[in-house]
Amino acid sequence: MTHSILLILILLISVLLSGSFTNFIPHIVAAGTWTVYIPTAILLPMCRRGKGVRTRFDSAKGETVYLSAQMICWMTSLVLSILQADQSSCHHAHLYYYPVESSWIQFYGVIESMAVYCHTMIAVSVMSGIHLVVLGGWMVHVVLLVKKWEKVREGDSDKGWESGMHRLVEGNDKRRGEMGGREWKESQERLNEV
């Protein structure tokens, strides 16, 4: 949820306040992957689960690939925002009373207010950094869940990465506490056999 809110917020701020087409590119790539992956990873497993068909779309492997792609986009956004905020015209924004042409690609080719532009780039860089921390934290959580799964499954490493995220989160936290060790392990093996 935090990831989705940050993605939409940064995209809107970047486009509406700064008009930076340079920064729009990594943001639109991140939004495109989000638009494809998130609904499919949530809806497809729920639709197929009732029919008894196993889906691997929401696997831990798929989640880490998605997180890696998002982290590349937001790292690019962070670097571009810092570079744009560090240009010489931003250091002397008060000297620009008229619209100036940007050395970066702009939607309209002109920056109406250097102060707004520079402050927007600083805000986008800070929010991109926060977004990277959130995504990195989730990736660490996914890896730790898989490692827990592998310990319970006694070294069957492929099964942990191929298991659904819902099963990993539910199985390692809630269901394991309710069941005994061997009973829980057998129930998880039955789920993977389908």
Protein backbone atom coordinates (compact mmCIF):
# COMPACT_ATOMS: atom_id res chain seq x y z
CA MET A 1 0.00 0.00 0.00
CA THR A 2 2.80 2.42 0.90
CA HIS A 3 4.52 1.56 -2.37
CA SER A 4 1.40 2.41 -4.41
CA ILE A 5 0.79 5.69 -2.60
CA LEU A 6 4.41 6.80 -3.00
CA LEU A 7 4.45 5.84 -6.68
CA ILE A 8 1.33 7.84 -7.52
CA LEU A 9 2.36 10.81 -5.36
CA ILE A 10 5.86 11.09 -6.82
CA LEU A 11 4.55 10.71 -10.37
CA LEU A 12 1.99 13.48 -9.89
CA ILE A 13 4.42 15.86 -8.17
CA SER A 14 7.09 15.29 -10.78
CA VAL A 15 4.76 15.85 -13.74
CA LEU A 16 2.51 18.60 -12.42
CA LEU A 17 5.02 20.77 -10.56
CA SER A 18 8.29 20.35 -12.41
CA GLY A 19 7.27 19.24 -15.88
CA SER A 20 10.48 17.23 -16.11
CA PHE A 21 10.24 14.79 -18.99
CA THR A 22 13.68 13.42 -18.03
CA ASN A 23 12.34 12.31 -14.66
CA PHE A 24 9.00 11.28 -16.14
CA ILE A 25 10.62 8.39 -18.03
CA PRO A 26 11.68 6.27 -14.98
CA HIS A 27 8.42 7.20 -13.24
CA ILE A 28 6.24 6.04 -16.12
CA VAL A 29 8.25 2.79 -16.44
CA ALA A 30 7.76 2.17 -12.69
CA ALA A 31 4.04 2.98 -12.99
CA GLY A 32 3.71 0.67 -16.00
CA THR A 33 5.27 -2.31 -14.21
CA TRP A 34 3.15 -1.55 -11.15
CA THR A 35 -0.02 -1.38 -13.26
CA VAL A 36 0.68 -4.78 -14.80
CA TYR A 37 2.15 -6.66 -11.83
CA ILE A 38 0.11 -5.63 -8.79
CA PRO A 39 -3.43 -6.37 -10.07
CA THR A 40 -2.29 -9.59 -11.73
CA ALA A 41 -0.40 -10.80 -8.66
CA ILE A 42 -3.43 -10.17 -6.48
CA LEU A 43 -6.33 -11.18 -8.73
CA LEU A 44 -4.94 -14.14 -10.69
CA PRO A 45 -4.09 -16.30 -7.64
CA MET A 46 -7.46 -15.51 -6.02
CA CYS A 47 -9.37 -16.47 -9.18
CA ARG A 48 -7.47 -19.69 -9.72
CA ARG A 49 -7.35 -20.80 -6.10
CA GLY A 50 -11.06 -21.69 -6.08
CA LYS A 51 -10.64 -23.88 -9.17
CA GLY A 52 -7.79 -25.87 -7.67
CA VAL A 53 -5.30 -24.62 -10.25
CA ARG A 54 -1.93 -23.61 -8.89
CA THR A 55 -0.49 -20.31 -10.11
CA ARG A 56 3.11 -19.25 -9.83
CA PHE A 57 2.59 -15.63 -10.81
CA ASP A 58 2.70 -14.43 -7.22
CA SER A 59 5.82 -16.44 -6.35
CA ALA A 60 8.63 -15.08 -4.21
CA LYS A 61 10.87 -15.17 -7.27
CA GLY A 62 8.42 -13.00 -9.22
CA GLU A 63 8.11 -10.61 -6.29
CA THR A 64 11.88 -10.11 -6.05
CA VAL A 65 12.15 -9.54 -9.82
CA TYR A 66 9.38 -6.94 -9.58
CA LEU A 67 11.03 -5.28 -6.57
CA SER A 68 14.38 -5.20 -8.37
CA ALA A 69 12.82 -3.50 -11.41
CA GLN A 70 11.10 -0.96 -9.18
CA MET A 71 14.31 -0.28 -7.26
CA ILE A 72 16.19 0.37 -10.52
CA CYS A 73 13.51 2.87 -11.60
CA TRP A 74 13.52 4.70 -8.28
CA MET A 75 17.32 4.75 -8.07
CA THR A 76 17.31 6.35 -11.54
CA SER A 77 14.72 8.87 -10.35
CA LEU A 78 16.81 9.66 -7.27
CA VAL A 79 19.99 10.26 -9.30
CA LEU A 80 18.22 12.36 -11.95
CA SER A 81 16.46 14.46 -9.31
CA ILE A 82 19.69 15.12 -7.46
CA LEU A 83 21.47 16.07 -10.68
CA GLN A 84 18.65 18.39 -11.72
CA ALA A 85 18.48 20.03 -8.28
CA ASP A 86 22.25 20.50 -8.28
CA GLN A 87 22.50 22.41 -11.56
CA SER A 88 23.97 25.91 -11.33
CA SER A 89 20.65 27.67 -11.99
CA CYS A 90 19.21 26.06 -8.86
CA HIS A 91 22.00 27.50 -6.72
CA HIS A 92 20.99 31.01 -7.86
CA ALA A 93 17.26 30.53 -8.45
CA HIS A 94 16.49 34.02 -7.11
CA LEU A 95 18.36 35.57 -10.06
CA TYR A 96 15.94 34.17 -12.64
CA TYR A 97 12.92 36.47 -12.97
CA TYR A 98 11.86 35.20 -16.39
CA PRO A 99 11.28 31.69 -17.71
CA VAL A 100 14.53 29.94 -18.58
CA GLU A 101 15.35 27.12 -20.94
CA SER A 102 16.40 24.00 -19.10
CA SER A 103 19.46 21.93 -19.85
CA TRP A 104 17.19 18.95 -19.10
CA ILE A 105 14.31 17.87 -21.29
CA GLN A 106 11.10 19.65 -20.28
CA PHE A 107 7.55 19.13 -21.50
CA TYR A 108 7.32 22.76 -22.61
CA GLY A 109 11.08 23.47 -22.98
CA VAL A 110 10.86 26.31 -20.46
CA ILE A 111 10.94 26.44 -16.68
CA GLU A 112 8.48 29.07 -15.45
CA SER A 113 9.81 29.28 -11.89
CA MET A 114 13.30 28.06 -11.04
CA ALA A 115 12.51 28.08 -7.31
CA VAL A 116 9.48 25.77 -7.73
CA TYR A 117 11.41 23.55 -10.14
CA CYS A 118 14.43 23.19 -7.83
CA HIS A 119 12.32 22.60 -4.72
CA THR A 120 10.28 20.01 -6.60
CA MET A 121 13.43 18.17 -7.63
CA ILE A 122 14.62 18.16 -4.01
CA ALA A 123 11.23 16.80 -2.88
CA VAL A 124 11.25 14.14 -5.62
CA SER A 125 14.78 13.05 -4.67
CA VAL A 126 13.84 12.73 -0.97
CA MET A 127 10.65 10.82 -1.77
CA SER A 128 12.50 8.57 -4.23
CA GLY A 129 15.02 7.79 -1.46
CA ILE A 130 12.20 6.95 0.95
CA HIS A 131 10.63 4.76 -1.73
CA LEU A 132 13.93 2.91 -2.18
CA VAL A 133 14.11 2.24 1.56
CA VAL A 134 10.51 0.91 1.59
CA LEU A 135 11.16 -1.37 -1.40
CA GLY A 136 14.48 -2.55 0.03
CA GLY A 137 12.81 -3.35 3.34
CA TRP A 138 10.13 -5.41 1.61
CA MET A 139 12.76 -7.27 -0.41
CA VAL A 140 14.68 -8.14 2.77
CA HIS A 141 11.39 -9.34 4.30
CA VAL A 142 10.70 -11.57 1.26
CA VAL A 143 14.21 -13.07 1.40
CA LEU A 144 13.85 -13.75 5.15
CA LEU A 145 10.47 -15.42 4.58
CA VAL A 146 12.00 -17.69 1.94
CA LYS A 147 14.90 -18.55 4.26
CA LYS A 148 12.43 -19.47 7.02
CA TRP A 149 10.48 -21.58 4.53
CA GLU A 150 13.66 -23.38 3.47
CA LYS A 151 14.56 -24.18 7.10
CA VAL A 152 11.14 -25.73 7.69
CA ARG A 153 11.29 -27.62 4.41
CA GLU A 154 14.77 -28.93 5.23
CA GLY A 155 16.81 -27.37 2.44
CA ASP A 156 14.41 -27.68 -0.49
CA SER A 157 15.52 -24.27 -1.81
CA ASP A 158 13.59 -24.23 -5.10
CA LYS A 159 10.23 -24.69 -3.39
CA GLY A 160 10.69 -21.56 -1.24
CA TRP A 161 11.24 -19.25 -4.20
CA GLU A 162 8.43 -20.86 -6.19
CA SER A 163 5.86 -20.69 -3.39
CA GLY A 164 3.20 -18.01 -3.48
CA MET A 165 3.73 -14.88 -1.41
CA HIS A 166 0.39 -15.32 0.33
CA ARG A 167 1.39 -18.82 1.39
CA LEU A 168 4.80 -17.66 2.59
CA VAL A 169 3.39 -14.85 4.70
CA GLU A 170 0.51 -16.90 6.12
CA GLY A 171 2.51 -20.11 6.57
CA ASN A 172 5.52 -18.66 8.31
CA ASP A 173 3.62 -16.43 10.70
CA LYS A 174 0.08 -17.47 11.53
CA ARG A 175 -0.43 -21.11 10.49
CA ARG A 176 2.89 -22.37 11.80
CA GLY A 177 2.06 -21.16 15.29
CA GLU A 178 -1.29 -22.98 15.26
CA MET A 179 0.05 -26.33 13.98
CA GLY A 180 2.82 -28.54 15.18
CA GLY A 181 6.09 -28.65 13.17
CA ARG A 182 5.53 -31.87 11.20
CA GLU A 183 1.80 -31.25 10.71
CA TRP A 184 2.48 -27.77 9.32
CA LYS A 185 5.24 -29.07 7.04
CA GLU A 186 2.97 -31.80 5.62
CA SER A 187 0.13 -29.33 4.99
CA GLN A 188 2.48 -27.09 3.03
CA GLU A 189 3.79 -30.02 0.98
CA ARG A 190 0.23 -30.93 0.03
CA LEU A 191 -0.38 -27.39 -1.19
CA ASN A 192 2.70 -27.53 -3.45
CA GLU A 193 1.75 -30.89 -4.96
CA VAL A 194 -1.26 -29.40 -6.79
